[in-house]
Amino acid sequence: MSLHDISATTIDGETQSLGEYKGKVVLVVNTASECGSTPQYAGLEGLWRHYRDKGLVVLGFPSNDFGGQEPGDEASIKTFCTTKFKVSFPLFSKVKVTGQGQSPVYRFLAADYGEPKWNFYKYLVSREGKVIKAFPNSVAPEDATLRAAVEAALG
């Protein structure tokens, strides 16, 4: 199984196969609009803009699992992200990233690298759809360790 075998619902309510990202390096992030780490949206957008032509895609999955820090609906989340942080990378519908009702995406990601411990937990996925590494929210998108892992995955 790989990430490419899973589908998810976009922030606009459309079902999307993650197989569309075959051949891309993917950074999957669980996001929240009312978290101390919310400014990472800007860094994620910068990371995506810097590396997208080399094959990176950032996928944001809003979640209310930690501290109730994503209380809004999809429309308000999308508006917040695009107006406050100019987010243009793909966003998906709000999901459960831990425990009962965990989304298939996060069940796959957590299988070998554990469940997210907080918002803005990042999973780096290879071009073949396999998880390479996971980064806690304390590792910002600008962090040299994360950027080196992205560059190595991009080859």
C-alpha atoms as a PDB file:
ATOM      1  CA  MET A   1       0.000   0.000   0.000  1.00  0.00           C
ATOM      2  CA  SER A   2       1.097   3.565  -0.651  1.00  0.00           C
ATOM      3  CA  LEU A   3      -0.314   7.055  -0.190  1.00  0.00           C
ATOM      4  CA  HIS A   4      -1.271   6.859  -3.858  1.00  0.00           C
ATOM      5  CA  ASP A   5      -3.854   4.145  -3.100  1.00  0.00           C
ATOM      6  CA  ILE A   6      -5.924   6.501  -0.912  1.00  0.00           C
ATOM      7  CA  SER A   7      -8.520   9.130  -1.767  1.00  0.00           C
ATOM      8  CA  ALA A   8      -9.409  12.162   0.325  1.00  0.00           C
ATOM      9  CA  THR A   9     -11.968  14.959   0.189  1.00  0.00           C
ATOM     10  CA  THR A  10     -10.690  18.364  -0.881  1.00  0.00           C
ATOM     11  CA  ILE A  11     -11.568  21.505   1.052  1.00  0.00           C
ATOM     12  CA  ASP A  12     -14.113  22.167  -1.723  1.00  0.00           C
ATOM     13  CA  GLY A  13     -15.842  18.825  -1.066  1.00  0.00           C
ATOM     14  CA  GLU A  14     -14.571  16.874  -4.057  1.00  0.00           C
ATOM     15  CA  THR A  15     -13.132  13.364  -3.803  1.00  0.00           C
ATOM     16  CA  GLN A  16      -9.542  13.273  -5.012  1.00  0.00           C
ATOM     17  CA  SER A  17      -7.276  10.284  -5.506  1.00  0.00           C
ATOM     18  CA  LEU A  18      -3.890  10.905  -3.937  1.00  0.00           C
ATOM     19  CA  GLY A  19      -2.607   8.832  -6.864  1.00  0.00           C
ATOM     20  CA  GLU A  20      -2.586  12.172  -8.671  1.00  0.00           C
ATOM     21  CA  TYR A  21       0.654  12.839  -6.771  1.00  0.00           C
ATOM     22  CA  LYS A  22       2.536   9.774  -8.094  1.00  0.00           C
ATOM     23  CA  GLY A  23       6.019  10.904  -8.997  1.00  0.00           C
ATOM     24  CA  LYS A  24       5.873  13.858  -6.576  1.00  0.00           C
ATOM     25  CA  VAL A  25       7.456  14.184  -3.153  1.00  0.00           C
ATOM     26  CA  VAL A  26       4.622  15.001  -0.751  1.00  0.00           C
ATOM     27  CA  LEU A  27       4.700  16.796   2.601  1.00  0.00           C
ATOM     28  CA  VAL A  28       1.458  16.019   4.452  1.00  0.00           C
ATOM     29  CA  VAL A  29       0.655  18.370   7.341  1.00  0.00           C
ATOM     30  CA  ASN A  30      -2.215  18.428   9.825  1.00  0.00           C
ATOM     31  CA  THR A  31      -3.109  22.088  10.245  1.00  0.00           C
ATOM     32  CA  ALA A  32      -5.149  24.274  12.594  1.00  0.00           C
ATOM     33  CA  SER A  33      -6.164  27.930  12.369  1.00  0.00           C
ATOM     34  CA  GLU A  34      -6.041  28.779  16.083  1.00  0.00           C
ATOM     35  CA  CYS A  35      -2.756  27.148  17.114  1.00  0.00           C
ATOM     36  CA  GLY A  36       0.475  28.755  18.254  1.00  0.00           C
ATOM     37  CA  SER A  37       2.050  27.054  15.236  1.00  0.00           C
ATOM     38  CA  THR A  38      -0.477  28.518  12.764  1.00  0.00           C
ATOM     39  CA  PRO A  39       2.152  30.939  11.348  1.00  0.00           C
ATOM     40  CA  GLN A  40       3.774  27.810   9.861  1.00  0.00           C
ATOM     41  CA  TYR A  41       1.203  28.182   7.056  1.00  0.00           C
ATOM     42  CA  ALA A  42       3.426  30.945   5.669  1.00  0.00           C
ATOM     43  CA  GLY A  43       6.500  28.723   5.838  1.00  0.00           C
ATOM     44  CA  LEU A  44       4.661  25.809   4.230  1.00  0.00           C
ATOM     45  CA  GLU A  45       3.548  28.059   1.392  1.00  0.00           C
ATOM     46  CA  GLY A  46       7.137  29.287   0.972  1.00  0.00           C
ATOM     47  CA  LEU A  47       8.477  25.738   0.977  1.00  0.00           C
ATOM     48  CA  TRP A  48       5.918  24.686  -1.615  1.00  0.00           C
ATOM     49  CA  ARG A  49       6.606  27.677  -3.866  1.00  0.00           C
ATOM     50  CA  HIS A  50      10.370  27.103  -3.627  1.00  0.00           C
ATOM     51  CA  TYR A  51      10.305  23.375  -4.437  1.00  0.00           C
ATOM     52  CA  ARG A  52       7.118  22.764  -6.443  1.00  0.00           C
ATOM     53  CA  ASP A  53       8.849  23.036  -9.816  1.00  0.00           C
ATOM     54  CA  LYS A  54      11.283  20.354  -8.607  1.00  0.00           C
ATOM     55  CA  GLY A  55       8.431  17.990  -7.690  1.00  0.00           C
ATOM     56  CA  LEU A  56       7.278  18.827  -4.136  1.00  0.00           C
ATOM     57  CA  VAL A  57       3.648  19.207  -3.178  1.00  0.00           C
ATOM     58  CA  VAL A  58       2.411  20.244   0.272  1.00  0.00           C
ATOM     59  CA  LEU A  59      -0.970  18.845   1.343  1.00  0.00           C
ATOM     60  CA  GLY A  60      -2.776  20.473   4.270  1.00  0.00           C
ATOM     61  CA  PHE A  61      -5.298  18.486   6.299  1.00  0.00           C
ATOM     62  CA  PRO A  62      -7.088  20.679   8.854  1.00  0.00           C
ATOM     63  CA  SER A  63      -7.870  18.888  12.113  1.00  0.00           C
ATOM     64  CA  ASN A  64      -9.613  19.805  15.350  1.00  0.00           C
ATOM     65  CA  ASP A  65      -7.991  16.907  17.270  1.00  0.00           C
ATOM     66  CA  PHE A  66      -5.616  18.973  19.385  1.00  0.00           C
ATOM     67  CA  GLY A  67      -6.984  21.615  21.732  1.00  0.00           C
ATOM     68  CA  GLY A  68     -10.041  22.282  19.561  1.00  0.00           C
ATOM     69  CA  GLN A  69      -7.852  24.645  17.532  1.00  0.00           C
ATOM     70  CA  GLU A  70      -9.631  24.130  14.204  1.00  0.00           C
ATOM     71  CA  PRO A  71     -13.293  24.783  15.074  1.00  0.00           C
ATOM     72  CA  GLY A  72     -14.379  26.247  11.731  1.00  0.00           C
ATOM     73  CA  ASP A  73     -15.990  24.629   8.720  1.00  0.00           C
ATOM     74  CA  GLU A  74     -14.206  24.112   5.404  1.00  0.00           C
ATOM     75  CA  ALA A  75     -15.338  27.440   3.928  1.00  0.00           C
ATOM     76  CA  SER A  76     -14.022  29.442   6.891  1.00  0.00           C
ATOM     77  CA  ILE A  77     -10.773  27.445   6.973  1.00  0.00           C
ATOM     78  CA  LYS A  78     -10.180  28.053   3.259  1.00  0.00           C
ATOM     79  CA  THR A  79     -10.924  31.775   3.599  1.00  0.00           C
ATOM     80  CA  PHE A  80      -8.617  32.071   6.620  1.00  0.00           C
ATOM     81  CA  CYS A  81      -5.749  30.256   4.876  1.00  0.00           C
ATOM     82  CA  THR A  82      -5.993  32.099   1.585  1.00  0.00           C
ATOM     83  CA  THR A  83      -6.500  35.593   2.982  1.00  0.00           C
ATOM     84  CA  LYS A  84      -4.205  35.542   6.021  1.00  0.00           C
ATOM     85  CA  PHE A  85      -1.399  33.329   4.689  1.00  0.00           C
ATOM     86  CA  LYS A  86      -1.940  33.375   0.888  1.00  0.00           C
ATOM     87  CA  VAL A  87      -2.042  29.546   0.924  1.00  0.00           C
ATOM     88  CA  SER A  88      -2.201  28.118  -2.582  1.00  0.00           C
ATOM     89  CA  PHE A  89      -1.062  24.541  -1.889  1.00  0.00           C
ATOM     90  CA  PRO A  90      -3.831  21.896  -1.817  1.00  0.00           C
ATOM     91  CA  LEU A  91      -6.065  21.849   1.255  1.00  0.00           C
ATOM     92  CA  PHE A  92      -8.397  19.046   2.224  1.00  0.00           C
ATOM     93  CA  SER A  93     -11.511  18.719   4.364  1.00  0.00           C
ATOM     94  CA  LYS A  94     -11.146  18.609   8.118  1.00  0.00           C
ATOM     95  CA  VAL A  95     -10.154  15.126   9.307  1.00  0.00           C
ATOM     96  CA  LYS A  96      -9.426  13.113  12.438  1.00  0.00           C
ATOM     97  CA  VAL A  97      -5.697  12.444  12.563  1.00  0.00           C
ATOM     98  CA  THR A  98      -5.694  10.309  15.723  1.00  0.00           C
ATOM     99  CA  GLY A  99      -7.796   7.686  17.445  1.00  0.00           C
ATOM    100  CA  GLN A 100     -11.221   6.383  16.528  1.00  0.00           C
ATOM    101  CA  GLY A 101     -12.467   7.719  13.203  1.00  0.00           C
ATOM    102  CA  GLN A 102      -8.907   8.452  12.032  1.00  0.00           C
ATOM    103  CA  SER A 103      -8.847   9.279   8.324  1.00  0.00           C
ATOM    104  CA  PRO A 104      -7.407   6.627   5.978  1.00  0.00           C
ATOM    105  CA  VAL A 105      -4.642   9.068   5.045  1.00  0.00           C
ATOM    106  CA  TYR A 106      -3.503   9.383   8.653  1.00  0.00           C
ATOM    107  CA  ARG A 107      -3.961   5.664   9.376  1.00  0.00           C
ATOM    108  CA  PHE A 108      -1.488   5.059   6.526  1.00  0.00           C
ATOM    109  CA  LEU A 109       0.936   7.815   7.585  1.00  0.00           C
ATOM    110  CA  ALA A 110       0.918   6.766  11.248  1.00  0.00           C
ATOM    111  CA  ALA A 111       1.453   3.041  10.576  1.00  0.00           C
ATOM    112  CA  ASP A 112       5.261   3.259  10.649  1.00  0.00           C
ATOM    113  CA  TYR A 113       5.887   6.756  11.972  1.00  0.00           C
ATOM    114  CA  GLY A 114       3.291   7.175  14.726  1.00  0.00           C
ATOM    115  CA  GLU A 115       0.297   9.467  15.054  1.00  0.00           C
ATOM    116  CA  PRO A 116       0.722  13.230  15.135  1.00  0.00           C
ATOM    117  CA  LYS A 117       1.375  14.562  18.636  1.00  0.00           C
ATOM    118  CA  TRP A 118       0.093  18.054  17.848  1.00  0.00           C
ATOM    119  CA  ASN A 119      -0.920  20.375  15.004  1.00  0.00           C
ATOM    120  CA  PHE A 120       1.525  20.977  12.145  1.00  0.00           C
ATOM    121  CA  TYR A 121       3.048  17.505  12.385  1.00  0.00           C
ATOM    122  CA  LYS A 122       4.673  16.751   9.029  1.00  0.00           C
ATOM    123  CA  TYR A 123       5.112  13.502   7.092  1.00  0.00           C
ATOM    124  CA  LEU A 124       7.498  13.433   4.153  1.00  0.00           C
ATOM    125  CA  VAL A 125       6.398  10.939   1.496  1.00  0.00           C
ATOM    126  CA  SER A 126       8.535   9.665  -1.394  1.00  0.00           C
ATOM    127  CA  ARG A 127       7.695   9.854  -5.073  1.00  0.00           C
ATOM    128  CA  GLU A 128       6.580   6.202  -4.727  1.00  0.00           C
ATOM    129  CA  GLY A 129       4.086   7.068  -1.962  1.00  0.00           C
ATOM    130  CA  LYS A 130       6.029   5.675   1.022  1.00  0.00           C
ATOM    131  CA  VAL A 131       6.630   7.655   4.216  1.00  0.00           C
ATOM    132  CA  ILE A 132      10.291   8.629   4.514  1.00  0.00           C
ATOM    133  CA  LYS A 133      10.293  10.640   7.719  1.00  0.00           C
ATOM    134  CA  ALA A 134       8.070  12.490  10.185  1.00  0.00           C
ATOM    135  CA  PHE A 135       8.700  15.861  11.812  1.00  0.00           C
ATOM    136  CA  PRO A 136       7.026  17.288  14.937  1.00  0.00           C
ATOM    137  CA  ASN A 137       5.468  20.756  14.963  1.00  0.00           C
ATOM    138  CA  SER A 138       8.656  22.082  16.585  1.00  0.00           C
ATOM    139  CA  VAL A 139      10.360  21.595  13.199  1.00  0.00           C
ATOM    140  CA  ALA A 140       9.295  24.624  11.180  1.00  0.00           C
ATOM    141  CA  PRO A 141       9.079  24.531   7.371  1.00  0.00           C
ATOM    142  CA  GLU A 142      12.191  26.731   7.209  1.00  0.00           C
ATOM    143  CA  ASP A 143      14.212  24.285   9.347  1.00  0.00           C
ATOM    144  CA  ALA A 144      17.433  23.129   7.672  1.00  0.00           C
ATOM    145  CA  THR A 145      16.805  19.488   8.663  1.00  0.00           C
ATOM    146  CA  LEU A 146      13.402  19.455   6.966  1.00  0.00           C
ATOM    147  CA  ARG A 147      14.705  21.233   3.877  1.00  0.00           C
ATOM    148  CA  ALA A 148      17.629  18.785   3.613  1.00  0.00           C
ATOM    149  CA  ALA A 149      15.195  15.843   3.815  1.00  0.00           C
ATOM    150  CA  VAL A 150      13.006  17.403   1.112  1.00  0.00           C
ATOM    151  CA  GLU A 151      16.013  17.999  -1.135  1.00  0.00           C
ATOM    152  CA  ALA A 152      17.252  14.421  -0.607  1.00  0.00           C
ATOM    153  CA  ALA A 153      13.780  13.050  -1.457  1.00  0.00           C
ATOM    154  CA  LEU A 154      13.638  15.204  -4.576  1.00  0.00           C
ATOM    155  CA  GLY A 155      17.018  13.776  -5.590  1.00  0.00           C
END
